[in-house]
N, C-alpha and C. Protein backbone atom coordinates (compact mmCIF):
# COMPACT_ATOMS: atom_id res chain seq x y z
N GLN A 1 8.34 -6.60 -15.30
CA GLN A 1 7.60 -5.82 -14.31
C GLN A 1 6.19 -5.53 -14.82
N VAL A 2 5.27 -5.48 -13.89
CA VAL A 2 3.86 -5.22 -14.22
C VAL A 2 3.37 -4.05 -13.39
N GLN A 3 2.62 -3.17 -14.02
CA GLN A 3 1.96 -2.07 -13.30
C GLN A 3 0.45 -2.33 -13.33
N VAL A 4 -0.19 -2.01 -12.22
CA VAL A 4 -1.63 -2.25 -12.07
C VAL A 4 -2.27 -0.97 -11.56
N VAL A 5 -3.32 -0.52 -12.23
CA VAL A 5 -3.99 0.72 -11.84
C VAL A 5 -5.49 0.48 -11.77
N GLU A 6 -6.06 0.77 -10.59
CA GLU A 6 -7.51 0.63 -10.40
C GLU A 6 -8.20 1.98 -10.60
N SER A 7 -9.48 1.89 -10.93
CA SER A 7 -10.31 3.09 -11.02
C SER A 7 -11.78 2.67 -10.87
N GLY A 8 -12.64 3.66 -10.69
CA GLY A 8 -14.07 3.39 -10.66
C GLY A 8 -14.73 3.46 -9.31
N GLY A 9 -13.94 3.67 -8.27
CA GLY A 9 -14.54 3.77 -6.94
C GLY A 9 -15.35 5.04 -6.79
N GLY A 10 -16.07 5.12 -5.69
CA GLY A 10 -16.87 6.30 -5.43
C GLY A 10 -17.84 6.08 -4.30
N LEU A 11 -18.78 7.00 -4.19
CA LEU A 11 -19.80 6.96 -3.14
C LEU A 11 -21.12 6.52 -3.78
N VAL A 12 -21.75 5.54 -3.17
CA VAL A 12 -23.01 5.02 -3.71
C VAL A 12 -23.93 4.67 -2.55
N GLN A 13 -25.21 4.76 -2.78
CA GLN A 13 -26.17 4.39 -1.74
C GLN A 13 -26.32 2.86 -1.68
N ALA A 14 -26.72 2.39 -0.53
CA ALA A 14 -26.97 0.96 -0.36
C ALA A 14 -27.97 0.49 -1.41
N GLY A 15 -27.69 -0.66 -1.98
CA GLY A 15 -28.53 -1.20 -3.04
C GLY A 15 -28.07 -0.81 -4.43
N GLY A 16 -27.14 0.12 -4.50
CA GLY A 16 -26.66 0.60 -5.78
C GLY A 16 -25.57 -0.28 -6.37
N SER A 17 -25.01 0.21 -7.48
CA SER A 17 -24.00 -0.55 -8.21
C SER A 17 -22.81 0.32 -8.57
N LEU A 18 -21.69 -0.33 -8.72
CA LEU A 18 -20.47 0.31 -9.20
C LEU A 18 -19.70 -0.70 -10.03
N ARG A 19 -18.90 -0.19 -10.95
CA ARG A 19 -17.99 -1.05 -11.69
C ARG A 19 -16.56 -0.55 -11.52
N LEU A 20 -15.72 -1.40 -10.98
CA LEU A 20 -14.30 -1.09 -10.83
C LEU A 20 -13.54 -1.64 -12.03
N SER A 21 -12.50 -0.91 -12.41
CA SER A 21 -11.64 -1.36 -13.50
C SER A 21 -10.21 -1.49 -13.00
N CYS A 22 -9.49 -2.43 -13.57
CA CYS A 22 -8.09 -2.64 -13.23
C CYS A 22 -7.33 -2.85 -14.54
N VAL A 23 -6.44 -1.93 -14.85
CA VAL A 23 -5.67 -2.02 -16.08
C VAL A 23 -4.25 -2.44 -15.75
N ALA A 24 -3.79 -3.48 -16.42
CA ALA A 24 -2.41 -3.94 -16.25
C ALA A 24 -1.58 -3.51 -17.44
N SER A 25 -0.32 -3.17 -17.17
CA SER A 25 0.60 -2.81 -18.24
C SER A 25 1.97 -3.37 -17.92
N GLY A 26 2.84 -3.34 -18.91
CA GLY A 26 4.17 -3.89 -18.73
C GLY A 26 4.21 -5.33 -19.23
N SER A 27 4.80 -6.21 -18.45
CA SER A 27 4.97 -7.60 -18.85
C SER A 27 3.69 -8.41 -18.57
N VAL A 28 2.62 -8.04 -19.22
CA VAL A 28 1.30 -8.64 -18.93
C VAL A 28 1.23 -10.11 -19.32
N ALA A 29 2.09 -10.55 -20.23
CA ALA A 29 2.08 -11.95 -20.63
C ALA A 29 2.46 -12.87 -19.47
N ARG A 30 3.07 -12.32 -18.44
CA ARG A 30 3.46 -13.11 -17.28
C ARG A 30 2.29 -13.38 -16.35
N ILE A 31 1.21 -12.62 -16.49
CA ILE A 31 0.10 -12.70 -15.53
C ILE A 31 -0.73 -13.96 -15.77
N ASN A 32 -0.95 -14.72 -14.70
CA ASN A 32 -1.80 -15.91 -14.77
C ASN A 32 -3.17 -15.68 -14.13
N VAL A 33 -3.18 -14.87 -13.09
CA VAL A 33 -4.41 -14.63 -12.33
C VAL A 33 -4.50 -13.15 -11.96
N MET A 34 -5.71 -12.63 -12.02
CA MET A 34 -5.97 -11.28 -11.52
C MET A 34 -7.01 -11.40 -10.41
N GLY A 35 -6.82 -10.61 -9.38
CA GLY A 35 -7.76 -10.69 -8.27
C GLY A 35 -8.11 -9.34 -7.71
N TRP A 36 -9.25 -9.28 -7.07
CA TRP A 36 -9.69 -8.08 -6.34
C TRP A 36 -9.67 -8.41 -4.86
N TYR A 37 -9.17 -7.48 -4.08
CA TYR A 37 -9.13 -7.56 -2.63
C TYR A 37 -9.73 -6.27 -2.09
N ARG A 38 -10.05 -6.28 -0.81
CA ARG A 38 -10.52 -5.04 -0.18
C ARG A 38 -10.06 -4.98 1.25
N GLN A 39 -9.96 -3.76 1.73
CA GLN A 39 -9.55 -3.53 3.12
C GLN A 39 -10.40 -2.43 3.71
N ALA A 40 -11.19 -2.81 4.70
CA ALA A 40 -12.02 -1.85 5.42
C ALA A 40 -11.23 -1.27 6.57
N PRO A 41 -11.61 -0.09 7.06
CA PRO A 41 -10.89 0.53 8.17
C PRO A 41 -10.80 -0.40 9.37
N GLY A 42 -9.60 -0.58 9.88
CA GLY A 42 -9.41 -1.39 11.07
C GLY A 42 -9.45 -2.88 10.83
N LYS A 43 -9.54 -3.28 9.57
CA LYS A 43 -9.62 -4.71 9.25
C LYS A 43 -8.48 -5.13 8.33
N GLN A 44 -8.25 -6.42 8.28
CA GLN A 44 -7.23 -6.94 7.39
C GLN A 44 -7.74 -6.96 5.95
N ARG A 45 -6.80 -6.91 5.02
CA ARG A 45 -7.16 -7.01 3.62
C ARG A 45 -7.71 -8.40 3.35
N GLU A 46 -8.80 -8.47 2.60
CA GLU A 46 -9.42 -9.75 2.30
C GLU A 46 -9.63 -9.92 0.81
N TRP A 47 -9.55 -11.16 0.37
CA TRP A 47 -9.77 -11.49 -1.02
C TRP A 47 -11.27 -11.40 -1.34
N VAL A 48 -11.58 -10.87 -2.52
CA VAL A 48 -12.96 -10.70 -2.94
C VAL A 48 -13.31 -11.61 -4.11
N ALA A 49 -12.49 -11.56 -5.15
CA ALA A 49 -12.79 -12.35 -6.35
C ALA A 49 -11.51 -12.49 -7.17
N GLY A 50 -11.50 -13.53 -8.01
CA GLY A 50 -10.35 -13.75 -8.86
C GLY A 50 -10.77 -14.32 -10.20
N ILE A 51 -9.90 -14.12 -11.19
CA ILE A 51 -10.16 -14.66 -12.52
C ILE A 51 -8.83 -15.10 -13.13
N THR A 52 -8.85 -16.29 -13.72
CA THR A 52 -7.63 -16.80 -14.34
C THR A 52 -7.54 -16.31 -15.79
N ARG A 53 -6.38 -16.52 -16.38
CA ARG A 53 -6.20 -16.15 -17.77
C ARG A 53 -7.21 -16.87 -18.65
N GLY A 54 -7.59 -18.08 -18.24
CA GLY A 54 -8.56 -18.87 -19.01
C GLY A 54 -10.01 -18.51 -18.73
N GLY A 55 -10.23 -17.58 -17.81
CA GLY A 55 -11.59 -17.12 -17.56
C GLY A 55 -12.31 -17.79 -16.40
N ILE A 56 -11.61 -18.61 -15.65
CA ILE A 56 -12.24 -19.25 -14.49
C ILE A 56 -12.32 -18.23 -13.36
N THR A 57 -13.50 -18.13 -12.76
CA THR A 57 -13.74 -17.13 -11.71
C THR A 57 -14.03 -17.79 -10.37
N ASN A 58 -13.73 -17.05 -9.32
CA ASN A 58 -14.03 -17.48 -7.95
C ASN A 58 -14.38 -16.26 -7.14
N TYR A 59 -15.24 -16.48 -6.11
CA TYR A 59 -15.71 -15.37 -5.31
C TYR A 59 -15.70 -15.72 -3.83
N ALA A 60 -15.49 -14.71 -3.01
CA ALA A 60 -15.67 -14.87 -1.58
C ALA A 60 -17.17 -15.03 -1.31
N ASP A 61 -17.49 -15.79 -0.28
CA ASP A 61 -18.90 -16.04 0.03
C ASP A 61 -19.67 -14.74 0.28
N SER A 62 -18.99 -13.76 0.83
CA SER A 62 -19.64 -12.50 1.20
C SER A 62 -20.13 -11.70 0.00
N VAL A 63 -19.60 -12.00 -1.19
CA VAL A 63 -19.99 -11.23 -2.38
C VAL A 63 -20.62 -12.10 -3.45
N LYS A 64 -20.66 -13.40 -3.23
CA LYS A 64 -21.19 -14.31 -4.23
C LYS A 64 -22.65 -13.97 -4.54
N GLY A 65 -22.96 -13.88 -5.80
CA GLY A 65 -24.31 -13.53 -6.22
C GLY A 65 -24.54 -12.04 -6.37
N ARG A 66 -23.62 -11.23 -5.85
CA ARG A 66 -23.77 -9.77 -5.95
C ARG A 66 -22.68 -9.15 -6.83
N PHE A 67 -21.49 -9.71 -6.76
CA PHE A 67 -20.35 -9.18 -7.52
C PHE A 67 -20.02 -10.13 -8.67
N ALA A 68 -19.50 -9.58 -9.74
CA ALA A 68 -19.05 -10.39 -10.87
C ALA A 68 -17.73 -9.85 -11.38
N ILE A 69 -16.77 -10.74 -11.59
CA ILE A 69 -15.47 -10.35 -12.14
C ILE A 69 -15.42 -10.78 -13.59
N SER A 70 -14.88 -9.92 -14.42
CA SER A 70 -14.75 -10.23 -15.83
C SER A 70 -13.46 -9.63 -16.35
N SER A 71 -13.06 -10.05 -17.53
CA SER A 71 -11.81 -9.53 -18.10
C SER A 71 -11.97 -9.26 -19.57
N ASP A 72 -11.21 -8.30 -20.04
CA ASP A 72 -11.08 -8.01 -21.46
C ASP A 72 -9.59 -8.13 -21.76
N ASN A 73 -9.20 -9.28 -22.23
CA ASN A 73 -7.77 -9.53 -22.43
C ASN A 73 -7.15 -8.60 -23.47
N ALA A 74 -7.95 -8.21 -24.45
CA ALA A 74 -7.44 -7.30 -25.48
C ALA A 74 -7.06 -5.95 -24.88
N LYS A 75 -7.73 -5.58 -23.80
CA LYS A 75 -7.46 -4.29 -23.15
C LYS A 75 -6.63 -4.47 -21.88
N ASN A 76 -6.24 -5.71 -21.57
CA ASN A 76 -5.48 -5.98 -20.34
C ASN A 76 -6.21 -5.41 -19.13
N THR A 77 -7.52 -5.58 -19.12
CA THR A 77 -8.35 -4.96 -18.09
C THR A 77 -9.24 -6.01 -17.42
N VAL A 78 -9.33 -5.91 -16.12
CA VAL A 78 -10.24 -6.74 -15.34
C VAL A 78 -11.25 -5.82 -14.66
N TYR A 79 -12.49 -6.27 -14.64
CA TYR A 79 -13.56 -5.47 -14.05
C TYR A 79 -14.15 -6.19 -12.84
N LEU A 80 -14.65 -5.40 -11.92
CA LEU A 80 -15.43 -5.94 -10.81
C LEU A 80 -16.77 -5.22 -10.82
N HIS A 81 -17.80 -5.94 -11.21
CA HIS A 81 -19.15 -5.40 -11.26
C HIS A 81 -19.78 -5.66 -9.89
N MET A 82 -20.12 -4.60 -9.20
CA MET A 82 -20.64 -4.73 -7.85
C MET A 82 -22.10 -4.26 -7.82
N ASN A 83 -22.99 -5.17 -7.46
CA ASN A 83 -24.42 -4.88 -7.40
C ASN A 83 -24.92 -5.10 -5.97
N SER A 84 -26.10 -4.57 -5.71
CA SER A 84 -26.71 -4.72 -4.38
C SER A 84 -25.72 -4.39 -3.28
N LEU A 85 -25.05 -3.28 -3.42
CA LEU A 85 -24.01 -2.92 -2.47
C LEU A 85 -24.58 -2.66 -1.09
N LYS A 86 -23.78 -3.03 -0.08
CA LYS A 86 -24.16 -2.88 1.31
C LYS A 86 -23.15 -1.97 2.01
N PRO A 87 -23.53 -1.33 3.09
CA PRO A 87 -22.56 -0.51 3.83
C PRO A 87 -21.30 -1.29 4.21
N GLU A 88 -21.44 -2.57 4.48
CA GLU A 88 -20.28 -3.37 4.86
C GLU A 88 -19.34 -3.66 3.69
N ASP A 89 -19.73 -3.27 2.48
CA ASP A 89 -18.82 -3.37 1.34
C ASP A 89 -17.86 -2.18 1.27
N THR A 90 -18.08 -1.20 2.13
CA THR A 90 -17.21 -0.03 2.16
C THR A 90 -15.78 -0.44 2.48
N ALA A 91 -14.86 -0.06 1.60
CA ALA A 91 -13.45 -0.44 1.76
C ALA A 91 -12.63 0.19 0.64
N VAL A 92 -11.33 0.09 0.79
CA VAL A 92 -10.45 0.37 -0.34
C VAL A 92 -10.30 -0.94 -1.10
N TYR A 93 -10.56 -0.88 -2.38
CA TYR A 93 -10.49 -2.08 -3.22
C TYR A 93 -9.17 -2.06 -4.00
N TYR A 94 -8.47 -3.18 -3.93
CA TYR A 94 -7.17 -3.32 -4.58
C TYR A 94 -7.22 -4.42 -5.63
N CYS A 95 -6.47 -4.19 -6.69
CA CYS A 95 -6.30 -5.19 -7.73
C CYS A 95 -4.90 -5.79 -7.59
N LYS A 96 -4.84 -7.09 -7.83
CA LYS A 96 -3.56 -7.80 -7.72
C LYS A 96 -3.36 -8.66 -8.95
N ALA A 97 -2.18 -8.58 -9.52
CA ALA A 97 -1.80 -9.41 -10.65
C ALA A 97 -0.79 -10.44 -10.17
N VAL A 98 -1.00 -11.70 -10.53
CA VAL A 98 -0.15 -12.78 -10.05
C VAL A 98 0.46 -13.53 -11.23
N ALA A 99 1.76 -13.73 -11.15
CA ALA A 99 2.47 -14.47 -12.19
C ALA A 99 2.93 -15.82 -11.64
N ALA A 100 3.55 -16.59 -12.48
CA ALA A 100 4.06 -17.89 -12.06
C ALA A 100 5.06 -17.72 -10.92
N GLY A 101 5.06 -18.68 -10.01
CA GLY A 101 5.97 -18.62 -8.88
C GLY A 101 5.51 -17.72 -7.77
N GLY A 102 4.28 -17.19 -7.91
CA GLY A 102 3.74 -16.35 -6.84
C GLY A 102 4.16 -14.91 -6.88
N VAL A 103 4.89 -14.53 -7.91
CA VAL A 103 5.26 -13.12 -8.05
C VAL A 103 3.98 -12.31 -8.27
N SER A 104 3.85 -11.20 -7.57
CA SER A 104 2.61 -10.44 -7.67
C SER A 104 2.87 -8.95 -7.62
N TRP A 105 1.88 -8.21 -8.11
CA TRP A 105 1.94 -6.76 -8.13
C TRP A 105 0.58 -6.22 -7.70
N TRP A 106 0.60 -5.16 -6.91
CA TRP A 106 -0.61 -4.54 -6.40
C TRP A 106 -0.80 -3.16 -7.01
N GLY A 107 -2.07 -2.78 -7.14
CA GLY A 107 -2.39 -1.42 -7.49
C GLY A 107 -2.44 -0.56 -6.24
N GLN A 108 -2.77 0.70 -6.44
CA GLN A 108 -2.77 1.66 -5.32
C GLN A 108 -4.09 1.68 -4.57
N GLY A 109 -5.11 1.08 -5.16
CA GLY A 109 -6.42 0.98 -4.51
C GLY A 109 -7.37 2.08 -4.94
N THR A 110 -8.66 1.78 -4.82
CA THR A 110 -9.70 2.76 -5.11
C THR A 110 -10.77 2.64 -4.03
N GLN A 111 -11.20 3.79 -3.51
CA GLN A 111 -12.13 3.81 -2.38
C GLN A 111 -13.57 3.58 -2.84
N VAL A 112 -14.24 2.68 -2.18
CA VAL A 112 -15.67 2.46 -2.38
C VAL A 112 -16.37 2.74 -1.05
N THR A 113 -17.32 3.64 -1.08
CA THR A 113 -18.08 3.97 0.12
C THR A 113 -19.56 3.77 -0.16
N VAL A 114 -20.20 2.96 0.66
CA VAL A 114 -21.62 2.66 0.50
C VAL A 114 -22.36 3.27 1.68
N SER A 115 -23.25 4.19 1.41
CA SER A 115 -24.00 4.86 2.47
C SER A 115 -25.31 4.13 2.72
N SER A 116 -25.74 4.17 3.96
CA SER A 116 -26.99 3.47 4.32
C SER A 116 -28.19 4.38 4.18
C-alpha cells in the first residue's frame, strides 16, 4: 500500500508562483510514475504533468513552459513548480502514484487559487 500527501497550495496573484509537494510513503518501491492532476469547479479532473522513476517528464499543453515537475527520490517527494500562474489554473491539485499493472493511489488534494 502507498500513501500520498500533497501540500503547498494557497492563494496567489496572477503571474505569481507556487510549489506543490507530494510525499509518498509505504510501499514506495512499487511506484513507477508520479503525476499531478487538477480539478476545477464544475470540470473533470485533468492530467497536468508526470514523471517516471527514471526522471522522464511530460506536461499537458496548457502548462508547458510554465510548470515543471521534479522529484527527490531520497525523500520520496515529487514537486510541481508552477510559474506565471493564471486564474484558469485555479483548481484542486491532486498527486497520483502509479505502480505496475495500473495500480494507483491518490492524495487528498491541495487547493490552488489564482486571483486576477
